[in-house]
Amino acid sequence: MNGTWHFNFRWRGETYRFSLERLLGRRITSRSEAEAEAEKIRAGIRVGTFQQTPSPPQPAYTPPALTFRQLADLWTSRYGYQLASARNDSYRLKQITAFSLTV
């Protein structure tokens, strides 16, 4: 099985649903292992010892801030000084022509 194992259990009106791998903090490699871990969790829920710790919030991705000069230098190193090249223009012209002929 290639994927992640999920736990879904309802006990006394409360639903427990989460990723086993995320809760345990490790990869589960087989169905039998997932079932064994799920049964341990169900037993803990039934006797009242299970406490699900919430996974820490994922920090939002913040791209690094670039000054205009840094952006210009990066553009120049990747694409040169031209904003458009003859190669790109000819490719775009072929795409536009092909599209207009099919319509």
PDB file of N, CA and C in Angstrom:
ATOM      1  N   MET A   1       0.848  -1.181   0.000  1.00  0.00           N
ATOM      2  CA  MET A   1       0.000   0.000   0.000  1.00  0.00           C
ATOM      3  C   MET A   1       0.886   1.234   0.000  1.00  0.00           C
ATOM      4  N   ASN A   2       0.621   2.103  -0.906  1.00  0.00           N
ATOM      5  CA  ASN A   2       1.396   3.331  -0.996  1.00  0.00           C
ATOM      6  C   ASN A   2       0.487   4.487  -0.612  1.00  0.00           C
ATOM      7  N   GLY A   3       0.669   5.055   0.534  1.00  0.00           N
ATOM      8  CA  GLY A   3      -0.192   6.133   0.994  1.00  0.00           C
ATOM      9  C   GLY A   3      -0.073   6.278   2.491  1.00  0.00           C
ATOM     10  N   THR A   4      -1.079   6.868   3.068  1.00  0.00           N
ATOM     11  CA  THR A   4      -1.061   7.069   4.501  1.00  0.00           C
ATOM     12  C   THR A   4      -2.266   6.371   5.122  1.00  0.00           C
ATOM     13  N   TRP A   5      -2.137   5.974   6.354  1.00  0.00           N
ATOM     14  CA  TRP A   5      -3.205   5.273   7.061  1.00  0.00           C
ATOM     15  C   TRP A   5      -3.958   6.255   7.944  1.00  0.00           C
ATOM     16  N   HIS A   6      -5.287   6.151   7.908  1.00  0.00           N
ATOM     17  CA  HIS A   6      -6.125   7.039   8.701  1.00  0.00           C
ATOM     18  C   HIS A   6      -6.928   6.258   9.725  1.00  0.00           C
ATOM     19  N   PHE A   7      -7.213   6.915  10.822  1.00  0.00           N
ATOM     20  CA  PHE A   7      -7.956   6.340  11.925  1.00  0.00           C
ATOM     21  C   PHE A   7      -9.303   7.046  11.998  1.00  0.00           C
ATOM     22  N   ASN A   8     -10.382   6.271  12.116  1.00  0.00           N
ATOM     23  CA  ASN A   8     -11.712   6.834  12.230  1.00  0.00           C
ATOM     24  C   ASN A   8     -12.491   5.975  13.220  1.00  0.00           C
ATOM     25  N   PHE A   9     -12.863   6.552  14.366  1.00  0.00           N
ATOM     26  CA  PHE A   9     -13.505   5.781  15.429  1.00  0.00           C
ATOM     27  C   PHE A   9     -14.482   6.689  16.168  1.00  0.00           C
ATOM     28  N   ARG A  10     -15.643   6.146  16.479  1.00  0.00           N
ATOM     29  CA  ARG A  10     -16.642   6.907  17.232  1.00  0.00           C
ATOM     30  C   ARG A  10     -16.901   6.185  18.546  1.00  0.00           C
ATOM     31  N   TRP A  11     -16.784   6.919  19.655  1.00  0.00           N
ATOM     32  CA  TRP A  11     -16.981   6.327  20.976  1.00  0.00           C
ATOM     33  C   TRP A  11     -17.754   7.312  21.848  1.00  0.00           C
ATOM     34  N   ARG A  12     -18.880   6.863  22.318  1.00  0.00           N
ATOM     35  CA  ARG A  12     -19.743   7.654  23.203  1.00  0.00           C
ATOM     36  C   ARG A  12     -20.035   9.045  22.652  1.00  0.00           C
ATOM     37  N   GLY A  13     -20.396   9.074  21.378  1.00  0.00           N
ATOM     38  CA  GLY A  13     -20.796  10.329  20.739  1.00  0.00           C
ATOM     39  C   GLY A  13     -19.669  11.213  20.260  1.00  0.00           C
ATOM     40  N   GLU A  14     -18.441  10.819  20.486  1.00  0.00           N
ATOM     41  CA  GLU A  14     -17.305  11.623  20.034  1.00  0.00           C
ATOM     42  C   GLU A  14     -16.584  10.891  18.914  1.00  0.00           C
ATOM     43  N   THR A  15     -16.231  11.633  17.877  1.00  0.00           N
ATOM     44  CA  THR A  15     -15.548  11.051  16.719  1.00  0.00           C
ATOM     45  C   THR A  15     -14.065  11.370  16.790  1.00  0.00           C
ATOM     46  N   TYR A  16     -13.267  10.359  16.550  1.00  0.00           N
ATOM     47  CA  TYR A  16     -11.807  10.487  16.495  1.00  0.00           C
ATOM     48  C   TYR A  16     -11.397  10.171  15.068  1.00  0.00           C
ATOM     49  N   ARG A  17     -10.826  11.142  14.404  1.00  0.00           N
ATOM     50  CA  ARG A  17     -10.436  10.947  13.010  1.00  0.00           C
ATOM     51  C   ARG A  17      -9.138  11.704  12.758  1.00  0.00           C
ATOM     52  N   PHE A  18      -8.110  10.964  12.309  1.00  0.00           N
ATOM     53  CA  PHE A  18      -6.815  11.597  12.056  1.00  0.00           C
ATOM     54  C   PHE A  18      -5.918  10.631  11.300  1.00  0.00           C
ATOM     55  N   SER A  19      -4.784  11.123  10.885  1.00  0.00           N
ATOM     56  CA  SER A  19      -3.768  10.312  10.226  1.00  0.00           C
ATOM     57  C   SER A  19      -2.968   9.572  11.297  1.00  0.00           C
ATOM     58  N   LEU A  20      -2.886   8.258  11.179  1.00  0.00           N
ATOM     59  CA  LEU A  20      -2.089   7.478  12.134  1.00  0.00           C
ATOM     60  C   LEU A  20      -0.619   7.882  12.084  1.00  0.00           C
ATOM     61  N   GLU A  21      -0.119   8.049  10.886  1.00  0.00           N
ATOM     62  CA  GLU A  21       1.298   8.378  10.723  1.00  0.00           C
ATOM     63  C   GLU A  21       1.620   9.731  11.341  1.00  0.00           C
ATOM     64  N   ARG A  22       0.726  10.684  11.197  1.00  0.00           N
ATOM     65  CA  ARG A  22       0.973  12.008  11.775  1.00  0.00           C
ATOM     66  C   ARG A  22       0.915  11.935  13.299  1.00  0.00           C
ATOM     67  N   LEU A  23      -0.057  11.186  13.827  1.00  0.00           N
ATOM     68  CA  LEU A  23      -0.169  11.059  15.276  1.00  0.00           C
ATOM     69  C   LEU A  23       1.040  10.347  15.879  1.00  0.00           C
ATOM     70  N   LEU A  24       1.458   9.259  15.232  1.00  0.00           N
ATOM     71  CA  LEU A  24       2.567   8.473  15.769  1.00  0.00           C
ATOM     72  C   LEU A  24       3.931   9.070  15.441  1.00  0.00           C
ATOM     73  N   GLY A  25       3.975   9.922  14.444  1.00  0.00           N
ATOM     74  CA  GLY A  25       5.230  10.557  14.064  1.00  0.00           C
ATOM     75  C   GLY A  25       6.180   9.639  13.331  1.00  0.00           C
ATOM     76  N   ARG A  26       5.627   8.621  12.668  1.00  0.00           N
ATOM     77  CA  ARG A  26       6.473   7.700  11.890  1.00  0.00           C
ATOM     78  C   ARG A  26       5.645   7.071  10.782  1.00  0.00           C
ATOM     79  N   ARG A  27       6.334   6.481   9.836  1.00  0.00           N
ATOM     80  CA  ARG A  27       5.680   5.833   8.694  1.00  0.00           C
ATOM     81  C   ARG A  27       5.181   4.459   9.096  1.00  0.00           C
ATOM     82  N   ILE A  28       3.993   4.115   8.652  1.00  0.00           N
ATOM     83  CA  ILE A  28       3.426   2.781   8.873  1.00  0.00           C
ATOM     84  C   ILE A  28       3.530   2.034   7.557  1.00  0.00           C
ATOM     85  N   THR A  29       4.115   0.836   7.617  1.00  0.00           N
ATOM     86  CA  THR A  29       4.461   0.136   6.379  1.00  0.00           C
ATOM     87  C   THR A  29       3.507  -0.977   5.982  1.00  0.00           C
ATOM     88  N   SER A  30       2.588  -1.383   6.863  1.00  0.00           N
ATOM     89  CA  SER A  30       1.700  -2.492   6.479  1.00  0.00           C
ATOM     90  C   SER A  30       0.323  -2.321   7.109  1.00  0.00           C
ATOM     91  N   ARG A  31      -0.610  -3.022   6.540  1.00  0.00           N
ATOM     92  CA  ARG A  31      -1.970  -2.985   7.057  1.00  0.00           C
ATOM     93  C   ARG A  31      -2.032  -3.552   8.476  1.00  0.00           C
ATOM     94  N   SER A  32      -1.315  -4.648   8.705  1.00  0.00           N
ATOM     95  CA  SER A  32      -1.348  -5.264  10.032  1.00  0.00           C
ATOM     96  C   SER A  32      -0.779  -4.318  11.089  1.00  0.00           C
ATOM     97  N   GLU A  33       0.254  -3.582  10.734  1.00  0.00           N
ATOM     98  CA  GLU A  33       0.818  -2.599  11.669  1.00  0.00           C
ATOM     99  C   GLU A  33      -0.189  -1.487  11.938  1.00  0.00           C
ATOM    100  N   ALA A  34      -0.878  -1.014  10.895  1.00  0.00           N
ATOM    101  CA  ALA A  34      -1.883   0.034  11.059  1.00  0.00           C
ATOM    102  C   ALA A  34      -3.026  -0.453  11.944  1.00  0.00           C
ATOM    103  N   GLU A  35      -3.475  -1.685  11.713  1.00  0.00           N
ATOM    104  CA  GLU A  35      -4.559  -2.239  12.524  1.00  0.00           C
ATOM    105  C   GLU A  35      -4.152  -2.398  13.987  1.00  0.00           C
ATOM    106  N   ALA A  36      -2.923  -2.833  14.227  1.00  0.00           N
ATOM    107  CA  ALA A  36      -2.443  -3.003  15.605  1.00  0.00           C
ATOM    108  C   ALA A  36      -2.374  -1.655  16.318  1.00  0.00           C
ATOM    109  N   GLU A  37      -1.857  -0.641  15.644  1.00  0.00           N
ATOM    110  CA  GLU A  37      -1.769   0.690  16.253  1.00  0.00           C
ATOM    111  C   GLU A  37      -3.163   1.264  16.485  1.00  0.00           C
ATOM    112  N   ALA A  38      -4.071   1.042  15.536  1.00  0.00           N
ATOM    113  CA  ALA A  38      -5.436   1.537  15.691  1.00  0.00           C
ATOM    114  C   ALA A  38      -6.117   0.880  16.880  1.00  0.00           C
ATOM    115  N   GLU A  39      -5.907  -0.415  17.077  1.00  0.00           N
ATOM    116  CA  GLU A  39      -6.513  -1.105  18.214  1.00  0.00           C
ATOM    117  C   GLU A  39      -5.967  -0.583  19.539  1.00  0.00           C
ATOM    118  N   LYS A  40      -4.677  -0.263  19.595  1.00  0.00           N
ATOM    119  CA  LYS A  40      -4.106   0.326  20.814  1.00  0.00           C
ATOM    120  C   LYS A  40      -4.769   1.674  21.122  1.00  0.00           C
ATOM    121  N   ILE A  41      -4.993   2.453  20.079  1.00  0.00           N
ATOM    122  CA  ILE A  41      -5.609   3.765  20.267  1.00  0.00           C
ATOM    123  C   ILE A  41      -7.064   3.602  20.705  1.00  0.00           C
ATOM    124  N   ARG A  42      -7.794   2.678  20.069  1.00  0.00           N
ATOM    125  CA  ARG A  42      -9.188   2.423  20.469  1.00  0.00           C
ATOM    126  C   ARG A  42      -9.271   1.990  21.932  1.00  0.00           C
ATOM    127  N   ALA A  43      -8.352   1.140  22.344  1.00  0.00           N
ATOM    128  CA  ALA A  43      -8.339   0.688  23.750  1.00  0.00           C
ATOM    129  C   ALA A  43      -8.102   1.869  24.684  1.00  0.00           C
ATOM    130  N   GLY A  44      -7.186   2.757  24.308  1.00  0.00           N
ATOM    131  CA  GLY A  44      -6.916   3.940  25.116  1.00  0.00           C
ATOM    132  C   GLY A  44      -8.121   4.870  25.190  1.00  0.00           C
ATOM    133  N   ILE A  45      -8.843   4.982  24.084  1.00  0.00           N
ATOM    134  CA  ILE A  45     -10.047   5.821  24.072  1.00  0.00           C
ATOM    135  C   ILE A  45     -11.102   5.233  25.004  1.00  0.00           C
ATOM    136  N   ARG A  46     -11.276   3.921  24.934  1.00  0.00           N
ATOM    137  CA  ARG A  46     -12.302   3.259  25.756  1.00  0.00           C
ATOM    138  C   ARG A  46     -12.047   3.404  27.254  1.00  0.00           C
ATOM    139  N   VAL A  47     -10.788   3.333  27.674  1.00  0.00           N
ATOM    140  CA  VAL A  47     -10.481   3.445  29.108  1.00  0.00           C
ATOM    141  C   VAL A  47     -10.197   4.892  29.537  1.00  0.00           C
ATOM    142  N   GLY A  48     -10.170   5.809  28.567  1.00  0.00           N
ATOM    143  CA  GLY A  48     -10.005   7.223  28.899  1.00  0.00           C
ATOM    144  C   GLY A  48      -8.582   7.699  29.040  1.00  0.00           C
ATOM    145  N   THR A  49      -7.609   6.938  28.554  1.00  0.00           N
ATOM    146  CA  THR A  49      -6.213   7.366  28.679  1.00  0.00           C
ATOM    147  C   THR A  49      -5.664   8.016  27.408  1.00  0.00           C
ATOM    148  N   PHE A  50      -6.412   7.956  26.317  1.00  0.00           N
ATOM    149  CA  PHE A  50      -5.919   8.517  25.053  1.00  0.00           C
ATOM    150  C   PHE A  50      -6.038  10.031  25.062  1.00  0.00           C
ATOM    151  N   GLN A  51      -4.962  10.698  24.700  1.00  0.00           N
ATOM    152  CA  GLN A  51      -4.965  12.142  24.527  1.00  0.00           C
ATOM    153  C   GLN A  51      -4.319  12.452  23.190  1.00  0.00           C
ATOM    154  N   GLN A  52      -5.107  12.999  22.325  1.00  0.00           N
ATOM    155  CA  GLN A  52      -4.582  13.349  21.006  1.00  0.00           C
ATOM    156  C   GLN A  52      -3.922  14.716  21.089  1.00  0.00           C
ATOM    157  N   THR A  53      -2.641  14.738  20.833  1.00  0.00           N
ATOM    158  CA  THR A  53      -1.940  16.018  20.829  1.00  0.00           C
ATOM    159  C   THR A  53      -2.092  16.625  19.444  1.00  0.00           C
ATOM    160  N   PRO A  54      -2.555  17.852  19.377  1.00  0.00           N
ATOM    161  CA  PRO A  54      -2.725  18.464  18.058  1.00  0.00           C
ATOM    162  C   PRO A  54      -1.379  18.656  17.367  1.00  0.00           C
ATOM    163  N   SER A  55      -1.372  18.435  16.067  1.00  0.00           N
ATOM    164  CA  SER A  55      -0.125  18.643  15.337  1.00  0.00           C
ATOM    165  C   SER A  55       0.189  20.132  15.310  1.00  0.00           C
ATOM    166  N   PRO A  56       1.460  20.469  15.407  1.00  0.00           N
ATOM    167  CA  PRO A  56       1.826  21.886  15.442  1.00  0.00           C
ATOM    168  C   PRO A  56       1.412  22.573  14.149  1.00  0.00           C
ATOM    169  N   PRO A  57       0.968  23.801  14.240  1.00  0.00           N
ATOM    170  CA  PRO A  57       0.557  24.505  13.024  1.00  0.00           C
ATOM    171  C   PRO A  57       1.739  24.682  12.078  1.00  0.00           C
ATOM    172  N   GLN A  58       1.465  24.512  10.801  1.00  0.00           N
ATOM    173  CA  GLN A  58       2.511  24.679   9.803  1.00  0.00           C
ATOM    174  C   GLN A  58       2.703  26.170   9.537  1.00  0.00           C
ATOM    175  N   PRO A  59       3.940  26.634   9.600  1.00  0.00           N
ATOM    176  CA  PRO A  59       4.157  28.060   9.329  1.00  0.00           C
ATOM    177  C   PRO A  59       3.840  28.373   7.867  1.00  0.00           C
ATOM    178  N   ALA A  60       3.245  29.520   7.653  1.00  0.00           N
ATOM    179  CA  ALA A  60       2.928  29.946   6.290  1.00  0.00           C
ATOM    180  C   ALA A  60       4.228  30.247   5.555  1.00  0.00           C
ATOM    181  N   TYR A  61       4.272  29.869   4.291  1.00  0.00           N
ATOM    182  CA  TYR A  61       5.461  30.133   3.487  1.00  0.00           C
ATOM    183  C   TYR A  61       5.531  31.616   3.171  1.00  0.00           C
ATOM    184  N   THR A  62       6.661  32.197   3.455  1.00  0.00           N
ATOM    185  CA  THR A  62       6.903  33.591   3.123  1.00  0.00           C
ATOM    186  C   THR A  62       8.109  33.639   2.199  1.00  0.00           C
ATOM    187  N   PRO A  63       7.880  33.990   0.937  1.00  0.00           N
ATOM    188  CA  PRO A  63       9.019  34.043   0.025  1.00  0.00           C
ATOM    189  C   PRO A  63       9.970  35.160   0.441  1.00  0.00           C
ATOM    190  N   PRO A  64      11.248  34.961   0.181  1.00  0.00           N
ATOM    191  CA  PRO A  64      12.200  36.005   0.560  1.00  0.00           C
ATOM    192  C   PRO A  64      11.921  37.281  -0.235  1.00  0.00           C
ATOM    193  N   ALA A  65      12.018  38.400   0.426  1.00  0.00           N
ATOM    194  CA  ALA A  65      11.762  39.680  -0.222  1.00  0.00           C
ATOM    195  C   ALA A  65      12.970  40.057  -1.079  1.00  0.00           C
ATOM    196  N   LEU A  66      12.684  40.493  -2.290  1.00  0.00           N
ATOM    197  CA  LEU A  66      13.740  40.940  -3.203  1.00  0.00           C
ATOM    198  C   LEU A  66      13.572  42.429  -3.454  1.00  0.00           C
ATOM    199  N   THR A  67      14.676  43.123  -3.498  1.00  0.00           N
ATOM    200  CA  THR A  67      14.618  44.511  -3.940  1.00  0.00           C
ATOM    201  C   THR A  67      14.527  44.494  -5.457  1.00  0.00           C
ATOM    202  N   PHE A  68      14.166  45.614  -6.037  1.00  0.00           N
ATOM    203  CA  PHE A  68      14.093  45.678  -7.489  1.00  0.00           C
ATOM    204  C   PHE A  68      15.456  45.400  -8.116  1.00  0.00           C
ATOM    205  N   ARG A  69      16.517  45.884  -7.492  1.00  0.00           N
ATOM    206  CA  ARG A  69      17.872  45.662  -8.014  1.00  0.00           C
ATOM    207  C   ARG A  69      18.196  44.174  -8.006  1.00  0.00           C
ATOM    208  N   GLN A  70      17.847  43.468  -6.920  1.00  0.00           N
ATOM    209  CA  GLN A  70      18.107  42.022  -6.856  1.00  0.00           C
ATOM    210  C   GLN A  70      17.319  41.284  -7.929  1.00  0.00           C
ATOM    211  N   LEU A  71      16.059  41.684  -8.138  1.00  0.00           N
ATOM    212  CA  LEU A  71      15.244  41.064  -9.180  1.00  0.00           C
ATOM    213  C   LEU A  71      15.846  41.320 -10.560  1.00  0.00           C
ATOM    214  N   ALA A  72      16.280  42.540 -10.792  1.00  0.00           N
ATOM    215  CA  ALA A  72      16.892  42.877 -12.076  1.00  0.00           C
ATOM    216  C   ALA A  72      18.163  42.062 -12.300  1.00  0.00           C
ATOM    217  N   ASP A  73      18.988  41.917 -11.283  1.00  0.00           N
ATOM    218  CA  ASP A  73      20.219  41.126 -11.410  1.00  0.00           C
ATOM    219  C   ASP A  73      19.901  39.657 -11.662  1.00  0.00           C
ATOM    220  N   LEU A  74      18.902  39.141 -10.972  1.00  0.00           N
ATOM    221  CA  LEU A  74      18.494  37.752 -11.171  1.00  0.00           C
ATOM    222  C   LEU A  74      17.971  37.544 -12.592  1.00  0.00           C
ATOM    223  N   TRP A  75      17.139  38.461 -13.065  1.00  0.00           N
ATOM    224  CA  TRP A  75      16.607  38.383 -14.429  1.00  0.00           C
ATOM    225  C   TRP A  75      17.743  38.418 -15.444  1.00  0.00           C
ATOM    226  N   THR A  76      18.683  39.334 -15.240  1.00  0.00           N
ATOM    227  CA  THR A  76      19.804  39.472 -16.166  1.00  0.00           C
ATOM    228  C   THR A  76      20.648  38.206 -16.197  1.00  0.00           C
ATOM    229  N   SER A  77      20.871  37.598 -15.044  1.00  0.00           N
ATOM    230  CA  SER A  77      21.690  36.375 -15.017  1.00  0.00           C
ATOM    231  C   SER A  77      20.978  35.201 -15.687  1.00  0.00           C
ATOM    232  N   ARG A  78      19.658  35.182 -15.626  1.00  0.00           N
ATOM    233  CA  ARG A  78      18.919  34.063 -16.226  1.00  0.00           C
ATOM    234  C   ARG A  78      18.551  34.303 -17.679  1.00  0.00           C
ATOM    235  N   TYR A  79      18.135  35.528 -18.013  1.00  0.00           N
ATOM    236  CA  TYR A  79      17.567  35.779 -19.331  1.00  0.00           C
ATOM    237  C   TYR A  79      18.316  36.806 -20.158  1.00  0.00           C
ATOM    238  N   GLY A  80      19.307  37.433 -19.616  1.00  0.00           N
ATOM    239  CA  GLY A  80      20.009  38.472 -20.363  1.00  0.00           C
ATOM    240  C   GLY A  80      19.308  39.802 -20.181  1.00  0.00           C
ATOM    241  N   TYR A  81      19.662  40.767 -21.025  1.00  0.00           N
ATOM    242  CA  TYR A  81      19.105  42.104 -20.863  1.00  0.00           C
ATOM    243  C   TYR A  81      17.773  42.281 -21.567  1.00  0.00           C
ATOM    244  N   GLN A  82      17.464  41.431 -22.531  1.00  0.00           N
ATOM    245  CA  GLN A  82      16.231  41.613 -23.289  1.00  0.00           C
ATOM    246  C   GLN A  82      15.033  41.084 -22.506  1.00  0.00           C
ATOM    247  N   LEU A  83      13.940  41.789 -22.610  1.00  0.00           N
ATOM    248  CA  LEU A  83      12.712  41.317 -21.996  1.00  0.00           C
ATOM    249  C   LEU A  83      12.059  40.232 -22.849  1.00  0.00           C
ATOM    250  N   ALA A  84      12.366  40.240 -24.123  1.00  0.00           N
ATOM    251  CA  ALA A  84      11.854  39.203 -25.024  1.00  0.00           C
ATOM    252  C   ALA A  84      12.980  38.810 -25.958  1.00  0.00           C
ATOM    253  N   SER A  85      12.959  37.578 -26.399  1.00  0.00           N
ATOM    254  CA  SER A  85      13.998  37.136 -27.325  1.00  0.00           C
ATOM    255  C   SER A  85      13.347  36.706 -28.634  1.00  0.00           C
ATOM    256  N   ALA A  86      14.124  36.712 -29.688  1.00  0.00           N
ATOM    257  CA  ALA A  86      13.611  36.303 -30.988  1.00  0.00           C
ATOM    258  C   ALA A  86      13.133  34.860 -30.951  1.00  0.00           C
ATOM    259  N   ARG A  87      13.840  34.026 -30.211  1.00  0.00           N
ATOM    260  CA  ARG A  87      13.452  32.614 -30.102  1.00  0.00           C
ATOM    261  C   ARG A  87      12.076  32.474 -29.449  1.00  0.00           C
ATOM    262  N   ASN A  88      11.883  33.185 -28.331  1.00  0.00           N
ATOM    263  CA  ASN A  88      10.585  33.136 -27.666  1.00  0.00           C
ATOM    264  C   ASN A  88       9.488  33.749 -28.524  1.00  0.00           C
ATOM    265  N   ASP A  89       9.805  34.846 -29.203  1.00  0.00           N
ATOM    266  CA  ASP A  89       8.801  35.486 -30.048  1.00  0.00           C
ATOM    267  C   ASP A  89       8.391  34.579 -31.195  1.00  0.00           C
ATOM    268  N   SER A  90       9.344  33.902 -31.821  1.00  0.00           N
ATOM    269  CA  SER A  90       8.992  33.022 -32.943  1.00  0.00           C
ATOM    270  C   SER A  90       8.162  31.844 -32.445  1.00  0.00           C
ATOM    271  N   TYR A  91       8.454  31.325 -31.264  1.00  0.00           N
ATOM    272  CA  TYR A  91       7.666  30.240 -30.688  1.00  0.00           C
ATOM    273  C   TYR A  91       6.231  30.704 -30.442  1.00  0.00           C
ATOM    274  N   ARG A  92       6.094  31.892 -29.843  1.00  0.00           N
ATOM    275  CA  ARG A  92       4.757  32.410 -29.562  1.00  0.00           C
ATOM    276  C   ARG A  92       3.983  32.662 -30.852  1.00  0.00           C
ATOM    277  N   LEU A  93       4.653  33.189 -31.870  1.00  0.00           N
ATOM    278  CA  LEU A  93       4.000  33.447 -33.141  1.00  0.00           C
ATOM    279  C   LEU A  93       3.503  32.145 -33.764  1.00  0.00           C
ATOM    280  N   LYS A  94       4.299  31.074 -33.675  1.00  0.00           N
ATOM    281  CA  LYS A  94       3.868  29.766 -34.190  1.00  0.00           C
ATOM    282  C   LYS A  94       2.650  29.256 -33.414  1.00  0.00           C
ATOM    283  N   GLN A  95       2.642  29.430 -32.107  1.00  0.00           N
ATOM    284  CA  GLN A  95       1.507  28.978 -31.290  1.00  0.00           C
ATOM    285  C   GLN A  95       0.237  29.756 -31.637  1.00  0.00           C
ATOM    286  N   ILE A  96       0.359  31.061 -31.804  1.00  0.00           N
ATOM    287  CA  ILE A  96      -0.792  31.896 -32.131  1.00  0.00           C
ATOM    288  C   ILE A  96      -1.318  31.535 -33.507  1.00  0.00           C
ATOM    289  N   THR A  97      -0.408  31.350 -34.463  1.00  0.00           N
ATOM    290  CA  THR A  97      -0.807  31.001 -35.819  1.00  0.00           C
ATOM    291  C   THR A  97      -1.499  29.641 -35.851  1.00  0.00           C
ATOM    292  N   ALA A  98      -0.935  28.663 -35.144  1.00  0.00           N
ATOM    293  CA  ALA A  98      -1.531  27.318 -35.100  1.00  0.00           C
ATOM    294  C   ALA A  98      -2.923  27.382 -34.470  1.00  0.00           C
ATOM    295  N   PHE A  99      -3.072  28.160 -33.433  1.00  0.00           N
ATOM    296  CA  PHE A  99      -4.363  28.277 -32.760  1.00  0.00           C
ATOM    297  C   PHE A  99      -5.392  28.956 -33.667  1.00  0.00           C
ATOM    298  N   SER A 100      -4.985  30.030 -34.345  1.00  0.00           N
ATOM    299  CA  SER A 100      -5.931  30.772 -35.177  1.00  0.00           C
ATOM    300  C   SER A 100      -6.348  29.972 -36.400  1.00  0.00           C
ATOM    301  N   LEU A 101      -5.494  29.037 -36.867  1.00  0.00           N
ATOM    302  CA  LEU A 101      -5.852  28.194 -38.003  1.00  0.00           C
ATOM    303  C   LEU A 101      -6.861  27.116 -37.619  1.00  0.00           C
ATOM    304  N   THR A 102      -6.858  26.725 -36.358  1.00  0.00           N
ATOM    305  CA  THR A 102      -7.777  25.668 -35.916  1.00  0.00           C
ATOM    306  C   THR A 102      -9.143  26.216 -35.529  1.00  0.00           C
ATOM    307  N   VAL A 103      -9.229  27.508 -35.314  1.00  0.00           N
ATOM    308  CA  VAL A 103     -10.512  28.094 -34.877  1.00  0.00           C
ATOM    309  C   VAL A 103     -11.375  28.457 -36.026  1.00  0.00           C
TER     310      VAL A 103
END
